[in-house]
Amino acid sequence: MDPWHAWTGLLRELLETLAVSWGLGTGLAIILLTLAVRTALAPLTWSLAYRAAVRQSKLARLAPELAAIRARYPDNPREQMRRTLELYRRNGLTPADGKSLAGGLVQMPVIFGLYRALQSGMGTAAFLWVRNLARPDLLLAILAALTTAAAMAVSPHVSGDMRLVILLLPAILCFVAALHFSSGIALYWITSNVLGAAQTLALRRVLRRNGIV
């Protein structure tokens, strides 16, 4: 068996163990499995979020100098780039943060594997008011959209000019998607959003204490 199918198979087995062997039911099993995977990834996601916040803070401080470079060399893109890269180097920055990109790539198979395991291991169980977790539910779709907006709202990177778009667009996309997927997937999104928002709020407190934001 290849690693991908082994990983998704393990997650399906864990979901079944929580739901059946532990007697939690599919809904609580989805929540607990999502929390477990997200908690395991927390050291990585915290490090990446902190690194991104530090980078954003540096770029904000350099904004006047970057604007001055563009104003000074409006017709010379090559010189603009050279001066910009020089300014980045002096301040410990790179045009693209390779470590953050690599960290994001590491998370993708883990998160997507969880998503696939939930998608194929849902069954037809009920949870709270939802009669069938394998089918969409309007209220869960609304909750998924609201928690998506809330998770975006607490982000330290949301600028004032684009705030409304950054909040509404992901929420709308999440709502539409939740109406086309199973309620179990919506429950997974809600759990992930709540955990992500909590981590972001904790990160913001640390950033303020360290004078970064």
N, C-alpha and C. Protein backbone atom coordinates (compact mmCIF):
# COMPACT_ATOMS: atom_id res chain seq x y z
N MET A 1 0.85 -1.20 0.00
CA MET A 1 0.00 0.00 0.00
C MET A 1 0.88 1.25 0.00
N ASP A 2 0.54 2.23 -0.85
CA ASP A 2 1.34 3.45 -0.91
C ASP A 2 1.07 4.32 0.30
N PRO A 3 2.00 5.25 0.63
CA PRO A 3 1.87 6.07 1.84
C PRO A 3 0.56 6.86 1.91
N TRP A 4 0.09 7.35 0.77
CA TRP A 4 -1.13 8.16 0.77
C TRP A 4 -2.34 7.34 1.23
N HIS A 5 -2.51 6.15 0.65
CA HIS A 5 -3.65 5.31 1.03
C HIS A 5 -3.48 4.77 2.45
N ALA A 6 -2.23 4.56 2.86
CA ALA A 6 -2.00 4.13 4.24
C ALA A 6 -2.42 5.22 5.22
N TRP A 7 -2.11 6.48 4.89
CA TRP A 7 -2.45 7.61 5.76
C TRP A 7 -3.96 7.81 5.85
N THR A 8 -4.64 7.85 4.69
CA THR A 8 -6.09 8.05 4.71
C THR A 8 -6.79 6.84 5.35
N GLY A 9 -6.23 5.64 5.14
CA GLY A 9 -6.82 4.46 5.78
C GLY A 9 -6.68 4.52 7.29
N LEU A 10 -5.53 4.99 7.76
CA LEU A 10 -5.34 5.14 9.21
C LEU A 10 -6.34 6.13 9.79
N LEU A 11 -6.56 7.23 9.10
CA LEU A 11 -7.50 8.24 9.59
C LEU A 11 -8.92 7.70 9.61
N ARG A 12 -9.28 6.93 8.59
CA ARG A 12 -10.62 6.32 8.58
C ARG A 12 -10.79 5.34 9.74
N GLU A 13 -9.74 4.57 10.01
CA GLU A 13 -9.79 3.63 11.15
C GLU A 13 -9.94 4.38 12.47
N LEU A 14 -9.20 5.48 12.61
CA LEU A 14 -9.32 6.28 13.83
C LEU A 14 -10.72 6.85 13.98
N LEU A 15 -11.28 7.31 12.86
CA LEU A 15 -12.63 7.85 12.88
C LEU A 15 -13.63 6.78 13.31
N GLU A 16 -13.48 5.59 12.76
CA GLU A 16 -14.39 4.50 13.11
C GLU A 16 -14.21 4.08 14.57
N THR A 17 -12.97 4.06 15.04
CA THR A 17 -12.70 3.70 16.44
C THR A 17 -13.37 4.68 17.39
N LEU A 18 -13.21 5.97 17.10
CA LEU A 18 -13.83 6.98 17.96
C LEU A 18 -15.35 6.91 17.90
N ALA A 19 -15.87 6.71 16.70
CA ALA A 19 -17.33 6.72 16.52
C ALA A 19 -18.00 5.47 17.08
N VAL A 20 -17.39 4.30 16.83
CA VAL A 20 -18.05 3.02 17.17
C VAL A 20 -17.48 2.42 18.45
N SER A 21 -16.16 2.16 18.45
CA SER A 21 -15.56 1.48 19.60
C SER A 21 -15.65 2.32 20.87
N TRP A 22 -15.45 3.62 20.73
CA TRP A 22 -15.55 4.51 21.89
C TRP A 22 -16.97 5.00 22.13
N GLY A 23 -17.85 4.74 21.18
CA GLY A 23 -19.26 5.09 21.34
C GLY A 23 -19.55 6.57 21.28
N LEU A 24 -18.69 7.34 20.60
CA LEU A 24 -18.89 8.79 20.55
C LEU A 24 -19.87 9.22 19.47
N GLY A 25 -20.07 8.38 18.47
CA GLY A 25 -20.88 8.79 17.33
C GLY A 25 -20.01 9.51 16.31
N THR A 26 -20.48 9.56 15.07
CA THR A 26 -19.67 10.10 13.98
C THR A 26 -19.40 11.60 14.16
N GLY A 27 -20.41 12.36 14.61
CA GLY A 27 -20.23 13.81 14.75
C GLY A 27 -19.11 14.17 15.72
N LEU A 28 -19.15 13.62 16.94
CA LEU A 28 -18.10 13.90 17.91
C LEU A 28 -16.76 13.32 17.45
N ALA A 29 -16.81 12.19 16.76
CA ALA A 29 -15.56 11.59 16.24
C ALA A 29 -14.89 12.53 15.24
N ILE A 30 -15.69 13.17 14.38
CA ILE A 30 -15.13 14.12 13.42
C ILE A 30 -14.48 15.29 14.16
N ILE A 31 -15.16 15.81 15.17
CA ILE A 31 -14.61 16.94 15.93
C ILE A 31 -13.31 16.56 16.61
N LEU A 32 -13.29 15.41 17.29
CA LEU A 32 -12.10 15.00 18.03
C LEU A 32 -10.93 14.68 17.10
N LEU A 33 -11.21 14.01 15.97
CA LEU A 33 -10.14 13.69 15.03
C LEU A 33 -9.56 14.96 14.41
N THR A 34 -10.43 15.91 14.08
CA THR A 34 -9.96 17.19 13.55
C THR A 34 -9.10 17.92 14.57
N LEU A 35 -9.55 17.95 15.83
CA LEU A 35 -8.77 18.59 16.89
C LEU A 35 -7.42 17.91 17.07
N ALA A 36 -7.41 16.58 17.00
CA ALA A 36 -6.16 15.84 17.19
C ALA A 36 -5.15 16.17 16.09
N VAL A 37 -5.60 16.15 14.84
CA VAL A 37 -4.70 16.42 13.73
C VAL A 37 -4.22 17.87 13.76
N ARG A 38 -5.15 18.80 14.01
CA ARG A 38 -4.77 20.22 14.07
C ARG A 38 -3.84 20.50 15.25
N THR A 39 -4.05 19.83 16.36
CA THR A 39 -3.17 20.02 17.52
C THR A 39 -1.77 19.48 17.22
N ALA A 40 -1.70 18.35 16.52
CA ALA A 40 -0.41 17.80 16.14
C ALA A 40 0.36 18.75 15.22
N LEU A 41 -0.39 19.49 14.40
CA LEU A 41 0.25 20.44 13.47
C LEU A 41 0.50 21.80 14.11
N ALA A 42 -0.01 22.02 15.33
CA ALA A 42 0.05 23.34 15.95
C ALA A 42 1.47 23.92 16.05
N PRO A 43 2.49 23.13 16.45
CA PRO A 43 3.84 23.72 16.50
C PRO A 43 4.29 24.29 15.16
N LEU A 44 3.95 23.58 14.08
CA LEU A 44 4.34 24.06 12.75
C LEU A 44 3.52 25.28 12.35
N THR A 45 2.19 25.22 12.54
CA THR A 45 1.35 26.34 12.12
C THR A 45 1.64 27.60 12.96
N TRP A 46 1.95 27.40 14.25
CA TRP A 46 2.30 28.54 15.09
C TRP A 46 3.59 29.18 14.60
N SER A 47 4.60 28.37 14.32
CA SER A 47 5.88 28.88 13.84
C SER A 47 5.72 29.64 12.53
N LEU A 48 4.93 29.09 11.62
CA LEU A 48 4.73 29.75 10.33
C LEU A 48 3.96 31.05 10.49
N ALA A 49 2.94 31.05 11.35
CA ALA A 49 2.16 32.27 11.56
C ALA A 49 3.01 33.36 12.21
N TYR A 50 3.82 32.97 13.18
CA TYR A 50 4.69 33.95 13.84
C TYR A 50 5.70 34.52 12.84
N ARG A 51 6.28 33.65 12.03
CA ARG A 51 7.25 34.07 11.03
C ARG A 51 6.61 35.04 10.02
N ALA A 52 5.37 34.72 9.60
CA ALA A 52 4.67 35.58 8.65
C ALA A 52 4.37 36.95 9.27
N ALA A 53 4.01 36.97 10.56
CA ALA A 53 3.71 38.24 11.23
C ALA A 53 4.96 39.11 11.34
N VAL A 54 6.09 38.50 11.66
CA VAL A 54 7.35 39.25 11.74
C VAL A 54 7.70 39.83 10.37
N ARG A 55 7.55 39.02 9.33
CA ARG A 55 7.84 39.49 7.98
C ARG A 55 6.92 40.64 7.59
N GLN A 56 5.62 40.49 7.90
CA GLN A 56 4.66 41.54 7.57
C GLN A 56 4.99 42.83 8.29
N SER A 57 5.43 42.72 9.54
CA SER A 57 5.79 43.90 10.31
C SER A 57 6.99 44.61 9.70
N LYS A 58 7.98 43.85 9.27
CA LYS A 58 9.15 44.45 8.63
C LYS A 58 8.79 45.13 7.33
N LEU A 59 7.94 44.47 6.53
CA LEU A 59 7.52 45.07 5.26
C LEU A 59 6.74 46.36 5.49
N ALA A 60 5.93 46.38 6.54
CA ALA A 60 5.16 47.60 6.84
C ALA A 60 6.10 48.74 7.19
N ARG A 61 7.16 48.45 7.95
CA ARG A 61 8.13 49.50 8.30
C ARG A 61 8.91 49.98 7.09
N LEU A 62 9.11 49.08 6.12
CA LEU A 62 9.89 49.43 4.93
C LEU A 62 9.03 50.07 3.84
N ALA A 63 7.72 50.14 4.05
CA ALA A 63 6.82 50.64 3.00
C ALA A 63 7.21 52.02 2.48
N PRO A 64 7.56 53.00 3.34
CA PRO A 64 7.97 54.32 2.81
C PRO A 64 9.20 54.24 1.93
N GLU A 65 10.18 53.44 2.32
CA GLU A 65 11.41 53.31 1.52
C GLU A 65 11.12 52.61 0.20
N LEU A 66 10.26 51.60 0.23
CA LEU A 66 9.90 50.91 -1.02
C LEU A 66 9.16 51.85 -1.96
N ALA A 67 8.28 52.68 -1.40
CA ALA A 67 7.56 53.66 -2.23
C ALA A 67 8.53 54.68 -2.81
N ALA A 68 9.53 55.07 -2.03
CA ALA A 68 10.53 56.03 -2.52
C ALA A 68 11.34 55.44 -3.67
N ILE A 69 11.65 54.16 -3.59
CA ILE A 69 12.40 53.51 -4.68
C ILE A 69 11.57 53.51 -5.96
N ARG A 70 10.28 53.18 -5.82
CA ARG A 70 9.42 53.17 -7.01
C ARG A 70 9.28 54.56 -7.60
N ALA A 71 9.20 55.57 -6.75
CA ALA A 71 9.06 56.95 -7.23
C ALA A 71 10.35 57.44 -7.89
N ARG A 72 11.48 56.96 -7.39
CA ARG A 72 12.77 57.44 -7.91
C ARG A 72 13.11 56.79 -9.24
N TYR A 73 12.69 55.55 -9.44
CA TYR A 73 13.02 54.83 -10.68
C TYR A 73 11.74 54.32 -11.35
N PRO A 74 10.83 55.22 -11.72
CA PRO A 74 9.54 54.78 -12.29
C PRO A 74 9.68 54.09 -13.64
N ASP A 75 10.73 54.43 -14.40
CA ASP A 75 10.89 53.87 -15.74
C ASP A 75 12.05 52.89 -15.83
N ASN A 76 12.52 52.44 -14.69
CA ASN A 76 13.67 51.53 -14.68
C ASN A 76 13.37 50.34 -13.75
N PRO A 77 12.59 49.36 -14.23
CA PRO A 77 12.20 48.22 -13.38
C PRO A 77 13.41 47.44 -12.85
N ARG A 78 14.46 47.35 -13.66
CA ARG A 78 15.63 46.60 -13.22
C ARG A 78 16.29 47.26 -12.02
N GLU A 79 16.41 48.58 -12.06
CA GLU A 79 17.02 49.29 -10.94
C GLU A 79 16.09 49.25 -9.71
N GLN A 80 14.78 49.33 -9.97
CA GLN A 80 13.82 49.17 -8.88
C GLN A 80 14.03 47.85 -8.15
N MET A 81 14.15 46.77 -8.94
CA MET A 81 14.32 45.45 -8.36
C MET A 81 15.64 45.35 -7.60
N ARG A 82 16.71 45.91 -8.20
CA ARG A 82 18.02 45.83 -7.54
C ARG A 82 17.99 46.56 -6.21
N ARG A 83 17.45 47.77 -6.19
CA ARG A 83 17.37 48.55 -4.94
C ARG A 83 16.47 47.87 -3.91
N THR A 84 15.37 47.30 -4.40
CA THR A 84 14.45 46.62 -3.49
C THR A 84 15.11 45.41 -2.84
N LEU A 85 15.79 44.60 -3.64
CA LEU A 85 16.48 43.43 -3.10
C LEU A 85 17.59 43.83 -2.13
N GLU A 86 18.26 44.93 -2.44
CA GLU A 86 19.30 45.43 -1.54
C GLU A 86 18.69 45.85 -0.20
N LEU A 87 17.54 46.53 -0.25
CA LEU A 87 16.85 46.94 0.97
C LEU A 87 16.39 45.71 1.76
N TYR A 88 15.89 44.71 1.05
CA TYR A 88 15.49 43.47 1.71
C TYR A 88 16.67 42.82 2.43
N ARG A 89 17.79 42.72 1.74
CA ARG A 89 18.96 42.07 2.34
C ARG A 89 19.43 42.79 3.59
N ARG A 90 19.40 44.11 3.57
CA ARG A 90 19.84 44.88 4.74
C ARG A 90 18.93 44.64 5.94
N ASN A 91 17.69 44.25 5.66
CA ASN A 91 16.73 44.05 6.74
C ASN A 91 16.39 42.57 6.97
N GLY A 92 17.21 41.69 6.43
CA GLY A 92 17.01 40.27 6.68
C GLY A 92 15.80 39.67 6.01
N LEU A 93 15.41 40.21 4.87
CA LEU A 93 14.24 39.72 4.15
C LEU A 93 14.64 39.12 2.81
N THR A 94 13.78 38.27 2.27
CA THR A 94 13.92 37.73 0.93
C THR A 94 12.63 37.99 0.17
N PRO A 95 12.69 38.04 -1.18
CA PRO A 95 11.45 38.29 -1.95
C PRO A 95 10.35 37.28 -1.64
N ALA A 96 10.72 36.02 -1.43
CA ALA A 96 9.75 34.98 -1.07
C ALA A 96 10.30 34.21 0.12
N ASP A 97 9.43 33.90 1.05
CA ASP A 97 9.85 33.19 2.26
C ASP A 97 9.79 31.69 2.00
N GLY A 98 10.92 31.11 1.64
CA GLY A 98 10.98 29.70 1.28
C GLY A 98 10.58 28.78 2.40
N LYS A 99 10.95 29.11 3.64
CA LYS A 99 10.60 28.24 4.77
C LYS A 99 9.10 28.19 4.99
N SER A 100 8.44 29.33 4.83
CA SER A 100 6.98 29.34 5.00
C SER A 100 6.31 28.54 3.89
N LEU A 101 6.82 28.67 2.66
CA LEU A 101 6.25 27.90 1.56
C LEU A 101 6.43 26.40 1.79
N ALA A 102 7.63 26.02 2.25
CA ALA A 102 7.89 24.60 2.53
C ALA A 102 6.99 24.09 3.65
N GLY A 103 6.81 24.91 4.68
CA GLY A 103 5.94 24.52 5.79
C GLY A 103 4.51 24.33 5.34
N GLY A 104 4.05 25.21 4.46
CA GLY A 104 2.70 25.06 3.93
C GLY A 104 2.54 23.79 3.12
N LEU A 105 3.57 23.43 2.34
CA LEU A 105 3.52 22.21 1.54
C LEU A 105 3.50 20.97 2.42
N VAL A 106 4.22 21.03 3.55
CA VAL A 106 4.24 19.89 4.47
C VAL A 106 2.84 19.63 5.03
N GLN A 107 2.10 20.71 5.30
CA GLN A 107 0.76 20.56 5.89
C GLN A 107 -0.26 19.99 4.92
N MET A 108 -0.07 20.27 3.63
CA MET A 108 -1.11 19.94 2.65
C MET A 108 -1.51 18.47 2.64
N PRO A 109 -0.57 17.52 2.55
CA PRO A 109 -1.01 16.11 2.53
C PRO A 109 -1.68 15.68 3.82
N VAL A 110 -1.27 16.27 4.95
CA VAL A 110 -1.87 15.90 6.24
C VAL A 110 -3.33 16.36 6.28
N ILE A 111 -3.55 17.63 5.95
CA ILE A 111 -4.90 18.19 5.99
C ILE A 111 -5.79 17.59 4.91
N PHE A 112 -5.25 17.44 3.71
CA PHE A 112 -6.06 16.89 2.62
C PHE A 112 -6.38 15.42 2.89
N GLY A 113 -5.44 14.71 3.53
CA GLY A 113 -5.70 13.33 3.89
C GLY A 113 -6.85 13.22 4.88
N LEU A 114 -6.88 14.13 5.86
CA LEU A 114 -7.98 14.17 6.82
C LEU A 114 -9.30 14.45 6.11
N TYR A 115 -9.27 15.40 5.19
CA TYR A 115 -10.47 15.76 4.43
C TYR A 115 -10.98 14.54 3.64
N ARG A 116 -10.07 13.82 2.98
CA ARG A 116 -10.47 12.66 2.18
C ARG A 116 -11.01 11.54 3.07
N ALA A 117 -10.38 11.36 4.22
CA ALA A 117 -10.84 10.32 5.14
C ALA A 117 -12.24 10.62 5.64
N LEU A 118 -12.51 11.87 5.95
CA LEU A 118 -13.84 12.25 6.41
C LEU A 118 -14.86 12.13 5.28
N GLN A 119 -14.43 12.49 4.09
CA GLN A 119 -15.34 12.45 2.95
C GLN A 119 -15.81 11.03 2.65
N SER A 120 -14.91 10.07 2.82
CA SER A 120 -15.26 8.69 2.46
C SER A 120 -15.73 7.86 3.64
N GLY A 121 -15.56 8.38 4.87
CA GLY A 121 -15.92 7.59 6.04
C GLY A 121 -17.09 8.15 6.83
N MET A 122 -17.97 8.86 6.17
CA MET A 122 -19.03 9.59 6.86
C MET A 122 -20.18 8.69 7.30
N GLY A 123 -20.59 7.76 6.44
CA GLY A 123 -21.76 6.96 6.77
C GLY A 123 -23.02 7.81 6.71
N THR A 124 -24.07 7.36 7.37
CA THR A 124 -25.35 8.09 7.37
C THR A 124 -25.79 8.43 8.79
N ALA A 125 -24.81 8.69 9.65
CA ALA A 125 -25.11 8.95 11.06
C ALA A 125 -25.74 10.32 11.24
N ALA A 126 -26.47 10.46 12.36
CA ALA A 126 -27.06 11.74 12.74
C ALA A 126 -26.18 12.41 13.78
N PHE A 127 -26.33 13.75 13.90
CA PHE A 127 -25.58 14.50 14.91
C PHE A 127 -26.36 15.77 15.23
N LEU A 128 -26.72 15.93 16.52
CA LEU A 128 -27.53 17.07 16.94
C LEU A 128 -28.78 17.14 16.08
N TRP A 129 -29.00 18.25 15.38
CA TRP A 129 -30.21 18.38 14.57
C TRP A 129 -30.04 17.79 13.16
N VAL A 130 -28.82 17.41 12.80
CA VAL A 130 -28.55 16.90 11.45
C VAL A 130 -28.93 15.42 11.40
N ARG A 131 -29.85 15.08 10.53
CA ARG A 131 -30.33 13.70 10.45
C ARG A 131 -29.36 12.79 9.71
N ASN A 132 -28.59 13.36 8.78
CA ASN A 132 -27.68 12.54 7.97
C ASN A 132 -26.42 13.36 7.68
N LEU A 133 -25.30 12.99 8.31
CA LEU A 133 -24.05 13.74 8.13
C LEU A 133 -23.47 13.59 6.73
N ALA A 134 -23.99 12.64 5.97
CA ALA A 134 -23.51 12.46 4.60
C ALA A 134 -24.15 13.46 3.63
N ARG A 135 -25.16 14.20 4.10
CA ARG A 135 -25.85 15.17 3.25
C ARG A 135 -25.60 16.59 3.76
N PRO A 136 -25.72 17.60 2.89
CA PRO A 136 -25.50 18.99 3.33
C PRO A 136 -26.58 19.44 4.31
N ASP A 137 -26.23 20.43 5.13
CA ASP A 137 -27.18 21.01 6.08
C ASP A 137 -27.01 22.52 6.04
N LEU A 138 -28.12 23.24 5.87
CA LEU A 138 -28.07 24.69 5.71
C LEU A 138 -27.47 25.38 6.93
N LEU A 139 -27.90 25.00 8.13
CA LEU A 139 -27.41 25.67 9.34
C LEU A 139 -25.91 25.43 9.53
N LEU A 140 -25.45 24.21 9.30
CA LEU A 140 -24.01 23.94 9.40
C LEU A 140 -23.23 24.72 8.35
N ALA A 141 -23.82 24.88 7.16
CA ALA A 141 -23.16 25.67 6.12
C ALA A 141 -23.02 27.13 6.56
N ILE A 142 -24.07 27.66 7.18
CA ILE A 142 -24.02 29.04 7.70
C ILE A 142 -22.96 29.16 8.79
N LEU A 143 -22.92 28.18 9.70
CA LEU A 143 -21.92 28.20 10.78
C LEU A 143 -20.50 28.09 10.22
N ALA A 144 -20.33 27.28 9.19
CA ALA A 144 -19.02 27.16 8.56
C ALA A 144 -18.59 28.50 7.96
N ALA A 145 -19.53 29.19 7.31
CA ALA A 145 -19.21 30.50 6.72
C ALA A 145 -18.90 31.53 7.81
N LEU A 146 -19.69 31.54 8.88
CA LEU A 146 -19.47 32.51 9.96
C LEU A 146 -18.14 32.28 10.66
N THR A 147 -17.80 31.02 10.92
CA THR A 147 -16.52 30.75 11.58
C THR A 147 -15.35 31.04 10.65
N THR A 148 -15.55 30.87 9.34
CA THR A 148 -14.50 31.25 8.38
C THR A 148 -14.25 32.75 8.44
N ALA A 149 -15.33 33.54 8.45
CA ALA A 149 -15.20 34.99 8.55
C ALA A 149 -14.54 35.39 9.87
N ALA A 150 -14.93 34.72 10.96
CA ALA A 150 -14.35 35.04 12.27
C ALA A 150 -12.86 34.74 12.30
N ALA A 151 -12.47 33.59 11.70
CA ALA A 151 -11.06 33.23 11.67
C ALA A 151 -10.25 34.24 10.88
N MET A 152 -10.83 34.77 9.80
CA MET A 152 -10.14 35.79 9.02
C MET A 152 -10.12 37.12 9.75
N ALA A 153 -11.17 37.43 10.50
CA ALA A 153 -11.28 38.73 11.17
C ALA A 153 -10.21 38.93 12.23
N VAL A 154 -9.79 37.84 12.90
CA VAL A 154 -8.80 37.99 13.97
C VAL A 154 -7.37 37.93 13.44
N SER A 155 -7.21 37.73 12.15
CA SER A 155 -5.86 37.65 11.59
C SER A 155 -5.16 39.00 11.69
N PRO A 156 -3.88 39.04 12.13
CA PRO A 156 -3.17 40.31 12.22
C PRO A 156 -2.78 40.87 10.86
N HIS A 157 -2.95 40.08 9.78
CA HIS A 157 -2.54 40.53 8.45
C HIS A 157 -3.66 41.18 7.67
N VAL A 158 -4.86 41.25 8.22
CA VAL A 158 -6.00 41.81 7.48
C VAL A 158 -5.90 43.34 7.51
N SER A 159 -5.68 43.93 6.34
CA SER A 159 -5.53 45.39 6.25
C SER A 159 -6.89 46.06 6.19
N GLY A 160 -6.92 47.34 6.54
CA GLY A 160 -8.17 48.08 6.57
C GLY A 160 -8.82 48.22 5.22
N ASP A 161 -8.02 48.46 4.15
CA ASP A 161 -8.58 48.71 2.82
C ASP A 161 -9.29 47.48 2.25
N MET A 162 -8.71 46.30 2.48
CA MET A 162 -9.25 45.08 1.88
C MET A 162 -10.00 44.22 2.89
N ARG A 163 -10.26 44.75 4.06
CA ARG A 163 -10.81 43.94 5.14
C ARG A 163 -12.14 43.28 4.77
N LEU A 164 -13.06 44.05 4.19
CA LEU A 164 -14.38 43.51 3.89
C LEU A 164 -14.29 42.39 2.86
N VAL A 165 -13.48 42.58 1.83
CA VAL A 165 -13.33 41.55 0.80
C VAL A 165 -12.69 40.31 1.39
N ILE A 166 -11.63 40.50 2.20
CA ILE A 166 -10.91 39.37 2.79
C ILE A 166 -11.81 38.58 3.74
N LEU A 167 -12.74 39.27 4.39
CA LEU A 167 -13.65 38.58 5.30
C LEU A 167 -14.78 37.88 4.55
N LEU A 168 -15.37 38.57 3.59
CA LEU A 168 -16.58 38.06 2.95
C LEU A 168 -16.32 36.99 1.90
N LEU A 169 -15.28 37.17 1.09
CA LEU A 169 -15.07 36.24 -0.02
C LEU A 169 -14.83 34.80 0.45
N PRO A 170 -13.90 34.55 1.39
CA PRO A 170 -13.74 33.16 1.85
C PRO A 170 -15.00 32.61 2.52
N ALA A 171 -15.73 33.48 3.25
CA ALA A 171 -16.95 33.03 3.92
C ALA A 171 -18.01 32.60 2.90
N ILE A 172 -18.16 33.39 1.84
CA ILE A 172 -19.14 33.05 0.80
C ILE A 172 -18.75 31.76 0.09
N LEU A 173 -17.46 31.62 -0.24
CA LEU A 173 -17.00 30.40 -0.91
C LEU A 173 -17.21 29.18 -0.01
N CYS A 174 -16.94 29.35 1.28
CA CYS A 174 -17.13 28.25 2.23
C CYS A 174 -18.61 27.87 2.31
N PHE A 175 -19.49 28.86 2.34
CA PHE A 175 -20.93 28.60 2.41
C PHE A 175 -21.41 27.82 1.19
N VAL A 176 -20.99 28.26 0.02
CA VAL A 176 -21.39 27.57 -1.22
C VAL A 176 -20.87 26.14 -1.23
N ALA A 177 -19.59 25.99 -0.84
CA ALA A 177 -19.00 24.64 -0.83
C ALA A 177 -19.71 23.74 0.18
N ALA A 178 -20.03 24.28 1.35
CA ALA A 178 -20.68 23.48 2.39
C ALA A 178 -22.06 23.00 1.96
N LEU A 179 -22.71 23.75 1.07
CA LEU A 179 -24.02 23.33 0.57
C LEU A 179 -23.91 22.21 -0.47
N HIS A 180 -22.68 21.95 -0.95
CA HIS A 180 -22.49 20.91 -1.95
C HIS A 180 -21.75 19.69 -1.39
N PHE A 181 -21.21 19.82 -0.18
CA PHE A 181 -20.53 18.69 0.45
C PHE A 181 -21.37 18.17 1.61
N SER A 182 -20.86 17.12 2.24
CA SER A 182 -21.58 16.53 3.36
C SER A 182 -21.52 17.43 4.59
N SER A 183 -22.46 17.22 5.50
CA SER A 183 -22.45 17.97 6.76
C SER A 183 -21.22 17.65 7.59
N GLY A 184 -20.70 16.44 7.44
CA GLY A 184 -19.49 16.07 8.16
C GLY A 184 -18.31 16.94 7.77
N ILE A 185 -18.20 17.27 6.49
CA ILE A 185 -17.13 18.15 6.03
C ILE A 185 -17.33 19.56 6.59
N ALA A 186 -18.58 20.03 6.62
CA ALA A 186 -18.88 21.34 7.22
C ALA A 186 -18.49 21.35 8.70
N LEU A 187 -18.76 20.25 9.39
CA LEU A 187 -18.40 20.14 10.81
C LEU A 187 -16.89 20.18 10.98
N TYR A 188 -16.17 19.55 10.08
CA TYR A 188 -14.70 19.61 10.07
C TYR A 188 -14.22 21.04 9.87
N TRP A 189 -14.84 21.76 8.91
CA TRP A 189 -14.45 23.15 8.68
C TRP A 189 -14.71 24.02 9.90
N ILE A 190 -15.86 23.84 10.52
CA ILE A 190 -16.20 24.64 11.71
C ILE A 190 -15.18 24.41 12.82
N THR A 191 -14.86 23.15 13.07
CA THR A 191 -13.89 22.82 14.12
C THR A 191 -12.52 23.42 13.81
N SER A 192 -12.08 23.30 12.56
CA SER A 192 -10.78 23.85 12.16
C SER A 192 -10.77 25.37 12.30
N ASN A 193 -11.87 26.01 11.90
CA ASN A 193 -11.94 27.47 11.98
C ASN A 193 -11.87 27.96 13.42
N VAL A 194 -12.60 27.29 14.31
CA VAL A 194 -12.60 27.70 15.72
C VAL A 194 -11.22 27.52 16.32
N LEU A 195 -10.58 26.39 16.04
CA LEU A 195 -9.23 26.16 16.56
C LEU A 195 -8.24 27.16 15.97
N GLY A 196 -8.37 27.44 14.68
CA GLY A 196 -7.48 28.40 14.04
C GLY A 196 -7.66 29.80 14.60
N ALA A 197 -8.90 30.21 14.86
CA ALA A 197 -9.14 31.53 15.43
C ALA A 197 -8.56 31.64 16.83
N ALA A 198 -8.69 30.56 17.62
CA ALA A 198 -8.13 30.57 18.97
C ALA A 198 -6.61 30.70 18.94
N GLN A 199 -5.98 29.98 18.01
CA GLN A 199 -4.52 30.09 17.88
C GLN A 199 -4.10 31.48 17.45
N THR A 200 -4.87 32.07 16.53
CA THR A 200 -4.54 33.41 16.06
C THR A 200 -4.66 34.44 17.17
N LEU A 201 -5.71 34.33 18.00
CA LEU A 201 -5.86 35.26 19.12
C LEU A 201 -4.70 35.13 20.10
N ALA A 202 -4.28 33.88 20.37
CA ALA A 202 -3.13 33.68 21.25
C ALA A 202 -1.86 34.26 20.63
N LEU A 203 -1.71 34.08 19.32
CA LEU A 203 -0.54 34.61 18.62
C LEU A 203 -0.51 36.13 18.68
N ARG A 204 -1.67 36.76 18.52
CA ARG A 204 -1.73 38.22 18.57
C ARG A 204 -1.28 38.75 19.93
N ARG A 205 -1.64 38.05 21.00
CA ARG A 205 -1.21 38.47 22.34
C ARG A 205 0.32 38.39 22.45
N VAL A 206 0.90 37.32 21.91
CA VAL A 206 2.36 37.17 21.95
C VAL A 206 3.03 38.25 21.10
N LEU A 207 2.46 38.53 19.94
CA LEU A 207 3.03 39.54 19.06
C LEU A 207 3.00 40.92 19.71
N ARG A 208 1.89 41.24 20.39
CA ARG A 208 1.80 42.53 21.07
C ARG A 208 2.82 42.61 22.21
N ARG A 209 2.93 41.52 22.95
CA ARG A 209 3.88 41.49 24.07
C ARG A 209 5.32 41.67 23.57
N ASN A 210 5.61 41.15 22.39
CA ASN A 210 6.95 41.27 21.82
C ASN A 210 7.14 42.53 21.00
N GLY A 211 6.10 43.38 20.94
CA GLY A 211 6.19 44.65 20.21
C GLY A 211 6.24 44.51 18.71
N ILE A 212 5.67 43.41 18.17
CA ILE A 212 5.71 43.19 16.73
C ILE A 212 4.50 43.80 16.04
N VAL A 213 3.34 43.79 16.71
CA VAL A 213 2.15 44.43 16.14
C VAL A 213 1.60 45.44 17.12
